Amino acid sequence: MSALRIIFLAVSLLAAVSVVTGHNITAILSQFPEYSEFNNYLSQTKLSDEINSRETITVLVLSNGVVSSLAAKHPLSVVKSVLSLHILLDYYDNKKLHAISDGTTLSTTLYQTTGNSPGNVGFVNITDMKGGKVGFGSAVPGSKLDSSYTKSVKQIPYNISVLEINAPIIAPGILTAPAPSADVNITGLLEKAGCKTFVKLITDTGVLKVFQTAAAKGLTVFAPNDEAFKAAGVPDLSKLSNAELVALLQYHALATYSPKGSLKTTKDPISTLATNGAGKFDLSVETAGDSVTLDSGVATSRLASTVLDSTPLCIFTVDNVLLPTELFGKAPSPAPSLSPETSPSSAPAPAALSPEPAAAPSPFLSPPAPPTSSPSAGPSPSDGPTADSQNSNASNAVDCVKAPSFTLALFTVSIPVMMSFVMF
């Protein structure tokens, strides 16, 4: 009977934990053909991955005609920047829009996290206007509220909200940003980021040309900084053959455009430029909050900074040299190897490849929005746009509800019940 109690307890806890899953903006918008263009560009720019990796988000969608007009006049990099301004790092629904303290607030957007938005360029001004209207515009002083809230599309309280606005939010200078050149100076960017050793290696071996060719279709580079090559535990690279050194350097790049948001949602091992029939040369990705860590199977390395994120090229710096198992085996230890006769109790614990302390969380976190007072609840104006209640019963078949409060309640109720069950 005790075995049945244990099984019951385990199944109950598993069911409780499984309630918390992520939302999928691509699946949500697929229900609405009028936003297919917006959905398409979210996928092309990998903004969809960034949205899906966030726990609290509001997406201000635009109709197909508005998006098509924008995309016809500007390169993909500019379209991505504009769409990033339409992704708010907070939850807004119809009720909250009409209950803004003092009638106006500034909200942080995804564009603010890119590092390309000086001043208030990455913030959006939301103002509850007279007559039930809500206006949106750039937070840069002097900007107009050229966009208006049209209707509520979809909500999963309080994780993701999708609202329609009638015109794009345009921040000063965002449309005139230069498009990425086909001949981006990869070495210049890396040297400026403190990766001169890596630059010399890829130049001397010819791997730079491989990177430049791949960049036209999609490339992500993980460049170790100069200190990483000096760290204890890093093998003597001069002892590698030319083929092995080339494989090691190509192991530090992906043949795809994979910005941080995409890496954060990666579950399976990812192939690198070194991947071939003779070896996998793949990487695993681990996330903790906004921090991303790459695991080679030998050691790990944290994404330290973003050097460039401009479709279709992404360049990061990393804290440690990535050592593939195909060249360096499984997690080697600098300590003397132990004989089979060594007693487990007396054997020293195997040391990590590098004695570096555990990486601290990434400092590149989303900056907070300017402080605002918590909005008080209030009824929406009678002549305002469509209320959220119109969408409250919409099917959730293609998206997963992420409700931490529900999970907490489930634990609170189920644990005493299970404990009482075990007592009998």
Protein backbone atom coordinates (compact mmCIF):
# COMPACT_ATOMS: atom_id res chain seq x y z
CA MET A 1 0.00 0.00 0.00
CA SER A 2 2.91 2.34 0.78
CA ALA A 3 4.16 1.93 -2.80
CA LEU A 4 0.78 3.11 -4.12
CA ARG A 5 0.96 6.16 -1.88
CA ILE A 6 4.41 7.05 -3.22
CA ILE A 7 3.24 6.64 -6.83
CA PHE A 8 0.17 8.78 -6.13
CA LEU A 9 2.31 11.50 -4.57
CA ALA A 10 4.80 11.52 -7.45
CA VAL A 11 2.08 11.69 -10.11
CA SER A 12 0.30 14.50 -8.27
CA LEU A 13 3.43 16.60 -8.00
CA LEU A 14 4.29 15.99 -11.66
CA ALA A 15 0.83 17.08 -12.72
CA ALA A 16 1.15 20.26 -10.66
CA VAL A 17 4.53 21.18 -12.12
CA SER A 18 3.45 20.46 -15.70
CA VAL A 19 0.82 23.22 -15.53
CA VAL A 20 3.51 25.87 -16.10
CA THR A 21 4.39 25.94 -19.79
CA GLY A 22 5.21 28.68 -22.27
CA HIS A 23 3.16 30.73 -24.68
CA ASN A 24 3.77 30.66 -28.42
CA ILE A 25 3.18 33.93 -30.27
CA THR A 26 3.42 32.25 -33.69
CA ALA A 27 0.63 29.83 -32.79
CA ILE A 28 -1.48 32.59 -31.25
CA LEU A 29 -1.30 34.85 -34.31
CA SER A 30 -1.89 31.94 -36.69
CA GLN A 31 -5.52 32.08 -35.57
CA PHE A 32 -5.84 35.56 -37.08
CA PRO A 33 -5.16 35.77 -40.86
CA GLU A 34 -5.30 39.57 -40.71
CA TYR A 35 -1.95 39.52 -38.87
CA SER A 36 -0.18 36.94 -41.05
CA GLU A 37 2.37 39.49 -42.32
CA PHE A 38 3.18 40.65 -38.80
CA ASN A 39 3.53 37.01 -37.75
CA ASN A 40 5.76 36.28 -40.74
CA TYR A 41 8.19 39.10 -39.90
CA LEU A 42 8.31 38.10 -36.25
CA SER A 43 9.55 34.69 -37.44
CA GLN A 44 11.99 36.06 -40.02
CA THR A 45 13.62 38.39 -37.53
CA LYS A 46 13.54 35.79 -34.71
CA LEU A 47 11.60 38.24 -32.54
CA SER A 48 9.10 35.45 -32.01
CA ASP A 49 11.74 33.51 -30.07
CA GLU A 50 12.43 36.52 -27.86
CA ILE A 51 8.69 36.92 -27.18
CA ASN A 52 8.32 33.25 -26.31
CA SER A 53 11.26 33.41 -23.90
CA ARG A 54 9.66 36.19 -21.85
CA GLU A 55 7.22 35.54 -19.02
CA THR A 56 5.40 38.87 -19.20
CA ILE A 57 4.91 40.57 -22.56
CA THR A 58 2.48 42.67 -24.61
CA VAL A 59 2.52 42.57 -28.41
CA LEU A 60 1.05 45.51 -30.32
CA VAL A 61 0.07 43.96 -33.66
CA LEU A 62 -0.44 45.71 -36.98
CA SER A 63 -2.70 44.62 -39.83
CA ASN A 64 -1.30 43.09 -43.02
CA GLY A 65 -1.67 46.28 -45.03
CA VAL A 66 0.29 48.38 -42.53
CA VAL A 67 3.11 45.84 -42.26
CA SER A 68 3.36 45.38 -46.04
CA SER A 69 3.67 49.14 -46.54
CA LEU A 70 6.46 49.32 -43.96
CA ALA A 71 8.37 46.33 -45.33
CA ALA A 72 8.15 47.60 -48.93
CA LYS A 73 10.11 50.75 -48.05
CA HIS A 74 12.72 49.49 -45.59
CA PRO A 75 15.25 46.63 -45.21
CA LEU A 76 14.62 43.72 -42.85
CA SER A 77 16.94 45.17 -40.20
CA VAL A 78 14.81 48.34 -39.98
CA VAL A 79 11.58 46.31 -39.93
CA LYS A 80 12.99 44.33 -37.00
CA SER A 81 13.81 47.52 -35.10
CA VAL A 82 10.33 48.93 -35.67
CA LEU A 83 8.62 45.70 -34.62
CA SER A 84 10.83 45.60 -31.50
CA LEU A 85 9.20 48.88 -30.46
CA HIS A 86 5.84 47.10 -30.57
CA ILE A 87 6.84 44.50 -27.99
CA LEU A 88 6.30 45.86 -24.46
CA LEU A 89 8.04 44.22 -21.51
CA ASP A 90 4.91 44.50 -19.36
CA TYR A 91 1.34 43.21 -19.41
CA TYR A 92 -1.39 45.52 -20.72
CA ASP A 93 -4.98 44.60 -21.42
CA ASN A 94 -8.04 46.74 -22.15
CA LYS A 95 -8.76 47.35 -18.48
CA LYS A 96 -5.18 48.36 -17.61
CA LEU A 97 -4.94 50.73 -20.58
CA HIS A 98 -7.92 52.67 -19.30
CA ALA A 99 -6.68 52.71 -15.69
CA ILE A 100 -3.22 54.25 -16.17
CA SER A 101 -2.20 56.42 -13.23
CA ASP A 102 -2.18 60.11 -14.16
CA GLY A 103 -3.41 59.09 -17.61
CA THR A 104 0.02 58.43 -19.09
CA THR A 105 2.99 56.08 -18.62
CA LEU A 106 6.20 55.01 -20.32
CA SER A 107 6.77 51.33 -21.06
CA THR A 108 10.06 49.58 -21.84
CA THR A 109 10.15 47.79 -25.18
CA LEU A 110 12.27 45.00 -26.57
CA TYR A 111 14.14 47.59 -28.64
CA GLN A 112 15.53 49.09 -25.43
CA THR A 113 17.32 45.79 -24.66
CA THR A 114 19.30 45.80 -27.92
CA GLY A 115 21.77 48.46 -26.82
CA ASN A 116 20.98 50.46 -29.99
CA SER A 117 18.51 52.82 -28.36
CA PRO A 118 20.03 55.94 -26.78
CA GLY A 119 17.97 57.94 -24.31
CA ASN A 120 14.25 57.21 -24.43
CA VAL A 121 14.23 55.77 -27.95
CA GLY A 122 13.47 52.29 -26.61
CA PHE A 123 10.46 53.40 -24.56
CA VAL A 124 6.85 53.88 -25.67
CA ASN A 125 4.47 56.54 -24.38
CA ILE A 126 1.00 55.18 -23.57
CA THR A 127 -1.67 57.80 -22.88
CA ASP A 128 -5.32 57.30 -21.95
CA MET A 129 -6.98 60.04 -23.97
CA LYS A 130 -10.44 61.56 -23.68
CA GLY A 131 -13.34 59.82 -25.37
CA GLY A 132 -12.14 56.31 -24.54
CA LYS A 133 -9.13 56.37 -26.87
CA VAL A 134 -5.61 55.24 -25.97
CA GLY A 135 -2.68 56.71 -27.87
CA PHE A 136 0.79 55.25 -28.44
CA GLY A 137 3.95 57.01 -29.53
CA SER A 138 7.69 57.25 -29.01
CA ALA A 139 8.80 58.39 -25.54
CA VAL A 140 11.34 60.76 -27.09
CA PRO A 141 10.33 64.31 -26.06
CA GLY A 142 8.31 66.07 -28.74
CA SER A 143 7.06 62.85 -30.38
CA LYS A 144 3.41 62.61 -31.35
CA LEU A 145 0.91 59.90 -30.38
CA ASP A 146 0.39 58.74 -33.96
CA SER A 147 -0.91 55.26 -33.08
CA SER A 148 -4.22 54.41 -31.46
CA TYR A 149 -5.48 51.31 -29.67
CA THR A 150 -8.03 49.56 -31.87
CA LYS A 151 -9.03 46.36 -30.09
CA SER A 152 -8.02 43.53 -27.83
CA VAL A 153 -6.97 40.38 -29.73
CA LYS A 154 -5.86 37.75 -27.24
CA GLN A 155 -4.81 37.49 -23.58
CA ILE A 156 -3.33 34.84 -21.34
CA PRO A 157 -3.43 36.69 -18.01
CA TYR A 158 -0.88 37.81 -16.92
CA ASN A 159 1.71 36.40 -19.27
CA ILE A 160 0.98 37.62 -22.77
CA SER A 161 -1.44 40.14 -24.23
CA VAL A 162 -1.98 40.87 -27.92
CA LEU A 163 -3.52 44.26 -28.78
CA GLU A 164 -4.13 45.82 -32.19
CA ILE A 165 -3.07 49.39 -32.96
CA ASN A 166 -3.87 51.22 -36.19
CA ALA A 167 -0.43 52.59 -37.15
CA PRO A 168 3.23 51.77 -36.46
CA ILE A 169 5.09 53.45 -33.61
CA ILE A 170 8.10 55.23 -35.11
CA ALA A 171 10.94 56.53 -32.95
CA PRO A 172 13.16 59.35 -34.30
CA GLY A 173 15.98 58.00 -36.45
CA ILE A 174 14.81 54.40 -36.45
CA LEU A 175 13.81 54.41 -40.14
CA THR A 176 17.08 55.94 -41.28
CA ALA A 177 19.38 53.45 -39.57
CA PRO A 178 21.84 52.05 -42.14
CA ALA A 179 21.16 48.57 -43.42
CA PRO A 180 23.81 45.95 -42.61
CA SER A 181 26.44 45.77 -45.31
CA ALA A 182 27.25 42.54 -47.10
CA ASP A 183 30.89 43.08 -46.23
CA VAL A 184 30.60 43.71 -42.49
CA ASN A 185 34.02 44.20 -40.93
CA ILE A 186 33.89 41.15 -38.66
CA THR A 187 37.53 41.46 -37.56
CA GLY A 188 37.16 45.15 -36.74
CA LEU A 189 34.12 44.48 -34.56
CA LEU A 190 35.85 41.59 -32.78
CA GLU A 191 39.05 43.50 -32.11
CA LYS A 192 37.09 46.38 -30.64
CA ALA A 193 35.27 43.86 -28.41
CA GLY A 194 38.56 42.54 -27.00
CA CYS A 195 38.88 39.37 -29.11
CA LYS A 196 42.21 40.01 -30.85
CA THR A 197 43.54 36.47 -30.26
CA PHE A 198 40.45 34.98 -31.88
CA VAL A 199 40.79 37.39 -34.80
CA LYS A 200 44.40 36.34 -35.41
CA LEU A 201 43.48 32.65 -35.34
CA ILE A 202 40.56 32.90 -37.79
CA THR A 203 42.64 35.11 -40.10
CA ASP A 204 45.72 32.89 -40.11
CA THR A 205 43.71 29.69 -40.71
CA GLY A 206 41.38 31.09 -43.37
CA VAL A 207 38.30 30.54 -41.20
CA LEU A 208 37.50 34.24 -41.56
CA LYS A 209 36.66 33.66 -45.23
CA VAL A 210 34.30 30.86 -44.19
CA PHE A 211 32.58 33.26 -41.78
CA GLN A 212 32.30 35.98 -44.44
CA THR A 213 30.75 33.58 -46.95
CA ALA A 214 28.28 32.18 -44.42
CA ALA A 215 27.28 35.65 -43.20
CA ALA A 216 25.32 36.35 -46.37
CA LYS A 217 22.74 33.65 -45.50
CA GLY A 218 23.01 33.60 -41.72
CA LEU A 219 25.84 33.43 -39.20
CA THR A 220 26.24 33.49 -35.42
CA VAL A 221 29.73 33.79 -33.93
CA PHE A 222 30.77 33.02 -30.33
CA ALA A 223 34.11 34.80 -29.95
CA PRO A 224 36.19 34.08 -26.82
CA ASN A 225 37.77 37.19 -25.38
CA ASP A 226 41.54 37.46 -25.03
CA GLU A 227 41.49 36.47 -21.36
CA ALA A 228 39.69 33.22 -22.23
CA PHE A 229 42.73 31.97 -24.17
CA LYS A 230 44.96 32.63 -21.13
CA ALA A 231 42.74 30.75 -18.67
CA ALA A 232 44.03 27.70 -16.83
CA GLY A 233 42.94 24.44 -18.43
CA VAL A 234 42.94 25.73 -22.01
CA PRO A 235 44.95 23.22 -24.12
CA ASP A 236 48.06 24.26 -26.01
CA LEU A 237 46.58 25.13 -29.39
CA SER A 238 50.01 25.00 -31.06
CA LYS A 239 49.92 21.22 -30.63
CA LEU A 240 46.77 20.89 -32.76
CA SER A 241 47.03 20.05 -36.42
CA ASN A 242 45.78 22.66 -38.88
CA ALA A 243 42.62 20.63 -39.50
CA GLU A 244 41.95 20.36 -35.77
CA LEU A 245 42.50 24.09 -35.25
CA VAL A 246 40.13 24.91 -38.11
CA ALA A 247 37.51 22.59 -36.59
CA LEU A 248 37.96 24.27 -33.20
CA LEU A 249 37.45 27.75 -34.66
CA GLN A 250 34.48 26.71 -36.78
CA TYR A 251 33.01 25.17 -33.63
CA HIS A 252 32.60 28.77 -32.42
CA ALA A 253 30.01 29.63 -35.09
CA LEU A 254 26.56 28.56 -36.31
CA ALA A 255 25.42 28.62 -39.92
CA THR A 256 22.23 30.40 -38.86
CA TYR A 257 21.17 33.78 -37.53
CA SER A 258 20.52 32.95 -33.86
CA PRO A 259 20.12 36.01 -31.63
CA LYS A 260 19.96 35.67 -27.88
CA GLY A 261 16.19 35.24 -27.84
CA SER A 262 16.46 32.24 -30.18
CA LEU A 263 19.21 30.67 -28.09
CA LYS A 264 17.10 31.06 -24.95
CA THR A 265 14.32 28.94 -26.48
CA THR A 266 16.65 26.25 -27.84
CA LYS A 267 16.01 22.82 -26.33
CA ASP A 268 17.99 20.43 -28.55
CA PRO A 269 21.74 20.43 -29.27
CA ILE A 270 22.65 22.81 -32.09
CA SER A 271 25.01 22.13 -34.99
CA THR A 272 28.03 24.34 -35.62
CA LEU A 273 30.08 25.15 -38.71
CA ALA A 274 32.38 22.30 -37.65
CA THR A 275 29.58 19.73 -37.77
CA ASN A 276 30.23 17.07 -40.40
CA GLY A 277 29.80 13.37 -41.04
CA ALA A 278 32.84 12.50 -38.94
CA GLY A 279 31.60 14.19 -35.78
CA LYS A 280 28.66 16.04 -34.31
CA PHE A 281 30.58 19.06 -32.99
CA ASP A 282 27.34 20.32 -31.45
CA LEU A 283 26.56 22.61 -28.52
CA SER A 284 23.92 22.51 -25.81
CA VAL A 285 22.30 25.69 -24.52
CA GLU A 286 21.37 26.35 -20.92
CA THR A 287 19.44 29.38 -19.67
CA ALA A 288 18.89 30.94 -16.26
CA GLY A 289 16.76 34.06 -16.43
CA ASP A 290 18.36 36.28 -19.05
CA SER A 291 21.72 34.49 -18.86
CA VAL A 292 22.69 32.04 -21.63
CA THR A 293 25.40 29.39 -21.22
CA LEU A 294 26.88 27.16 -23.92
CA ASP A 295 27.91 23.61 -22.98
CA SER A 296 30.38 21.75 -25.18
CA GLY A 297 30.40 18.59 -23.10
CA VAL A 298 33.89 19.45 -21.86
CA ALA A 299 33.18 22.80 -20.20
CA THR A 300 30.71 25.67 -20.31
CA SER A 301 30.95 29.28 -21.41
CA ARG A 302 28.62 32.19 -20.75
CA LEU A 303 27.43 34.64 -23.40
CA ALA A 304 29.14 37.78 -22.13
CA SER A 305 28.03 40.49 -24.54
CA THR A 306 26.38 41.13 -27.88
CA VAL A 307 28.81 42.69 -30.36
CA LEU A 308 26.35 42.78 -33.27
CA ASP A 309 22.76 41.70 -33.77
CA SER A 310 21.68 42.68 -37.25
CA THR A 311 19.85 40.21 -39.47
CA PRO A 312 21.37 37.93 -40.75
CA LEU A 313 24.55 38.27 -38.65
CA CYS A 314 24.93 37.94 -34.89
CA ILE A 315 28.23 38.15 -32.98
CA PHE A 316 28.66 37.43 -29.26
CA THR A 317 31.64 37.38 -26.95
CA VAL A 318 31.95 34.39 -24.58
CA ASP A 319 33.89 33.95 -21.35
CA ASN A 320 35.67 30.70 -22.19
CA VAL A 321 37.06 28.86 -25.22
CA LEU A 322 34.55 26.24 -26.40
CA LEU A 323 36.26 22.84 -26.41
CA PRO A 324 34.43 20.15 -28.43
CA THR A 325 34.43 16.58 -27.12
CA GLU A 326 35.49 15.36 -30.57
CA LEU A 327 38.88 17.01 -30.00
CA PHE A 328 39.28 17.08 -26.24
CA GLY A 329 37.17 14.24 -24.87
CA LYS A 330 34.71 14.36 -22.00
CA ALA A 331 35.33 16.92 -19.25
CA PRO A 332 39.06 16.24 -18.71
CA SER A 333 40.55 16.96 -15.30
CA PRO A 334 43.92 18.66 -14.79
CA ALA A 335 44.46 16.43 -11.73
CA PRO A 336 46.56 13.20 -12.13
CA SER A 337 44.51 10.33 -13.48
CA LEU A 338 43.38 7.83 -10.89
CA SER A 339 44.16 4.12 -11.12
CA PRO A 340 41.26 1.65 -11.14
CA GLU A 341 42.35 0.42 -7.70
CA THR A 342 41.93 3.85 -6.09
CA SER A 343 39.31 3.76 -3.39
CA PRO A 344 36.34 6.02 -4.16
CA SER A 345 36.37 7.28 -0.59
CA SER A 346 39.99 8.42 -0.82
CA ALA A 347 39.99 9.63 -4.42
CA PRO A 348 40.08 13.38 -4.84
CA ALA A 349 37.03 14.92 -6.48
CA PRO A 350 37.65 15.52 -10.22
CA ALA A 351 38.36 19.16 -10.94
CA ALA A 352 36.70 21.15 -13.72
CA LEU A 353 38.63 22.04 -16.85
CA SER A 354 38.94 25.62 -15.67
CA PRO A 355 39.09 26.74 -12.03
CA GLU A 356 37.15 29.85 -12.91
CA PRO A 357 34.33 30.58 -10.44
CA ALA A 358 30.78 30.01 -11.55
CA ALA A 359 29.65 32.62 -14.04
CA ALA A 360 27.55 35.38 -12.62
CA PRO A 361 24.19 36.20 -14.20
CA SER A 362 24.51 38.25 -17.35
CA PRO A 363 24.65 41.99 -16.70
CA PHE A 364 22.84 42.59 -19.97
CA LEU A 365 19.36 42.52 -18.54
CA SER A 366 16.37 44.43 -19.79
CA PRO A 367 16.49 47.96 -18.34
CA PRO A 368 13.48 48.86 -16.22
CA ALA A 369 10.92 51.34 -17.36
CA PRO A 370 10.74 54.68 -15.54
CA PRO A 371 8.84 54.19 -12.25
CA THR A 372 5.12 54.65 -12.39
CA SER A 373 2.39 54.23 -9.85
CA SER A 374 0.33 51.09 -9.88
CA PRO A 375 -2.84 51.78 -11.89
CA SER A 376 -6.05 51.63 -9.99
CA ALA A 377 -8.82 49.52 -11.39
CA GLY A 378 -11.56 51.35 -13.19
CA PRO A 379 -14.27 50.66 -15.74
CA SER A 380 -13.46 51.17 -19.41
CA PRO A 381 -15.22 54.10 -21.08
CA SER A 382 -18.43 53.06 -22.76
CA ASP A 383 -17.28 54.33 -26.12
CA GLY A 384 -13.83 52.75 -25.90
CA PRO A 385 -12.46 49.99 -28.13
CA THR A 386 -13.48 46.35 -27.91
CA ALA A 387 -13.04 44.98 -24.37
CA ASP A 388 -11.01 41.91 -23.46
CA SER A 389 -14.17 39.99 -22.63
CA GLN A 390 -14.70 39.43 -26.33
CA ASN A 391 -11.65 37.19 -26.37
CA SER A 392 -11.84 35.65 -22.91
CA ASN A 393 -13.44 32.44 -24.19
CA ALA A 394 -11.24 32.03 -27.24
CA SER A 395 -9.74 28.59 -27.77
CA ASN A 396 -6.40 27.90 -26.12
CA ALA A 397 -5.76 24.81 -28.23
CA VAL A 398 -2.67 26.25 -29.92
CA ASP A 399 -1.13 28.05 -26.98
CA CYS A 400 -0.23 26.99 -23.48
CA VAL A 401 -1.48 28.82 -20.41
CA LYS A 402 1.30 29.90 -18.16
CA ALA A 403 -0.22 30.68 -14.77
CA PRO A 404 2.16 30.69 -11.82
CA SER A 405 -0.62 31.73 -9.46
CA PHE A 406 -2.67 28.72 -10.51
CA THR A 407 0.26 26.42 -9.89
CA LEU A 408 0.83 27.89 -6.45
CA ALA A 409 -2.80 27.36 -5.60
CA LEU A 410 -2.61 23.79 -6.87
CA PHE A 411 0.39 23.06 -4.65
CA THR A 412 -1.27 24.75 -1.67
CA VAL A 413 -4.39 22.60 -1.98
CA SER A 414 -2.88 19.33 -3.15
CA ILE A 415 0.02 18.95 -0.69
CA PRO A 416 -2.15 18.84 2.48
CA VAL A 417 -4.49 16.40 0.76
CA MET A 418 -1.60 14.16 -0.27
CA MET A 419 -0.06 14.31 3.21
CA SER A 420 -3.31 13.31 4.82
CA PHE A 421 -3.61 10.49 2.31
CA VAL A 422 -0.15 9.20 3.22
CA MET A 423 -0.96 9.31 6.94
CA PHE A 424 -3.76 6.73 6.54
